[in-house]
């Protein structure tokens, strides 16, 4: 549900977005180094530790609970957009 909320809200705000999910079966739609090179920022919506988090080091990122994109999708994107635009 959080992945879908991120995709819907991101696209509605004019962003190109890629959502990686991690679960008991491993990572799906994994974000690559090439994806990160093109990214302006990263939203990490997780309630548990994620695998390979160090790949996001040095990136502008927003970390939040999995519930936040579902409940407050617009606010999540507003927060990262503000960081991207005004650093």
Protein backbone atom coordinates (compact mmCIF):
# COMPACT_ATOMS: atom_id res chain seq x y z
CA UNK A 1 0.00 0.00 0.00
CA UNK A 2 2.84 2.43 0.78
CA UNK A 3 4.54 1.66 -2.53
CA UNK A 4 1.33 2.36 -4.43
CA UNK A 5 0.76 5.58 -2.47
CA UNK A 6 4.29 6.77 -3.29
CA UNK A 7 3.82 6.00 -6.98
CA UNK A 8 0.43 7.69 -7.22
CA UNK A 9 1.40 10.80 -5.28
CA UNK A 10 4.79 11.14 -6.95
CA UNK A 11 3.39 10.87 -10.46
CA UNK A 12 0.53 13.25 -9.65
CA UNK A 13 3.15 15.80 -8.58
CA UNK A 14 5.06 15.37 -11.85
CA UNK A 15 7.91 13.20 -10.61
CA UNK A 16 9.53 10.22 -12.27
CA UNK A 17 9.54 7.67 -9.46
CA UNK A 18 10.87 4.18 -8.87
CA UNK A 19 9.75 2.26 -5.80
CA UNK A 20 11.76 -0.63 -4.41
CA UNK A 21 10.06 -2.95 -1.96
CA UNK A 22 11.79 -5.28 0.46
CA UNK A 23 10.12 -8.20 2.14
CA UNK A 24 10.57 -11.80 3.12
CA UNK A 25 11.15 -12.71 -0.53
CA UNK A 26 13.92 -10.10 -0.90
CA UNK A 27 14.00 -6.86 -2.87
CA UNK A 28 11.70 -6.21 -5.81
CA UNK A 29 12.21 -3.47 -8.39
CA UNK A 30 15.64 -2.82 -6.86
CA UNK A 31 17.01 0.70 -7.15
CA UNK A 32 20.32 0.62 -9.03
CA UNK A 33 23.37 2.88 -8.98
CA UNK A 34 22.16 4.23 -12.34
CA UNK A 35 18.77 5.09 -10.82
CA UNK A 36 20.49 6.90 -7.96
CA UNK A 37 22.73 8.85 -10.34
CA UNK A 38 19.58 10.28 -11.97
CA UNK A 39 17.72 10.91 -8.70
CA UNK A 40 17.27 14.28 -7.04
CA UNK A 41 16.28 12.64 -3.76
CA UNK A 42 15.24 9.46 -2.02
CA UNK A 43 12.26 8.67 0.21
CA UNK A 44 12.85 5.74 2.54
CA UNK A 45 9.51 4.61 3.97
CA UNK A 46 10.34 1.78 6.35
CA UNK A 47 9.51 0.58 9.83
CA UNK A 48 12.36 -1.95 9.94
CA UNK A 49 15.98 -1.89 8.83
CA UNK A 50 16.42 -2.04 5.07
CA UNK A 51 19.09 -3.93 3.15
CA UNK A 52 21.94 -2.03 1.49
CA UNK A 53 20.90 1.30 3.01
CA UNK A 54 24.46 2.58 2.62
CA UNK A 55 23.88 2.98 -1.15
CA UNK A 56 21.79 6.04 -0.25
CA UNK A 57 24.64 7.70 1.67
CA UNK A 58 25.34 11.15 0.30
CA UNK A 59 21.87 11.39 -1.26
CA UNK A 60 19.29 13.90 -0.21
CA UNK A 61 16.83 11.68 1.61
CA UNK A 62 13.71 11.70 3.70
CA UNK A 63 13.05 8.82 6.05
CA UNK A 64 9.56 8.12 7.33
CA UNK A 65 7.24 5.39 8.52
CA UNK A 66 5.54 3.10 6.01
CA UNK A 67 2.22 4.64 7.07
CA UNK A 68 3.25 8.20 6.22
CA UNK A 69 2.94 7.98 2.41
CA UNK A 70 -0.47 6.38 2.85
CA UNK A 71 -1.80 8.92 5.33
CA UNK A 72 0.23 12.01 4.43
CA UNK A 73 1.47 11.45 0.87
CA UNK A 74 1.33 15.09 -0.18
CA UNK A 75 3.18 16.20 2.96
CA UNK A 76 5.91 13.60 2.42
CA UNK A 77 6.55 14.88 -1.10
CA UNK A 78 6.31 18.52 -0.03
CA UNK A 79 9.02 17.89 2.56
CA UNK A 80 11.48 16.32 0.13
CA UNK A 81 10.67 18.84 -2.60
CA UNK A 82 11.46 21.66 -0.18
CA UNK A 83 14.83 20.06 0.61
CA UNK A 84 15.59 19.57 -3.08
CA UNK A 85 14.61 23.12 -4.03
CA UNK A 86 16.01 24.98 -1.02
CA UNK A 87 18.50 22.53 0.45
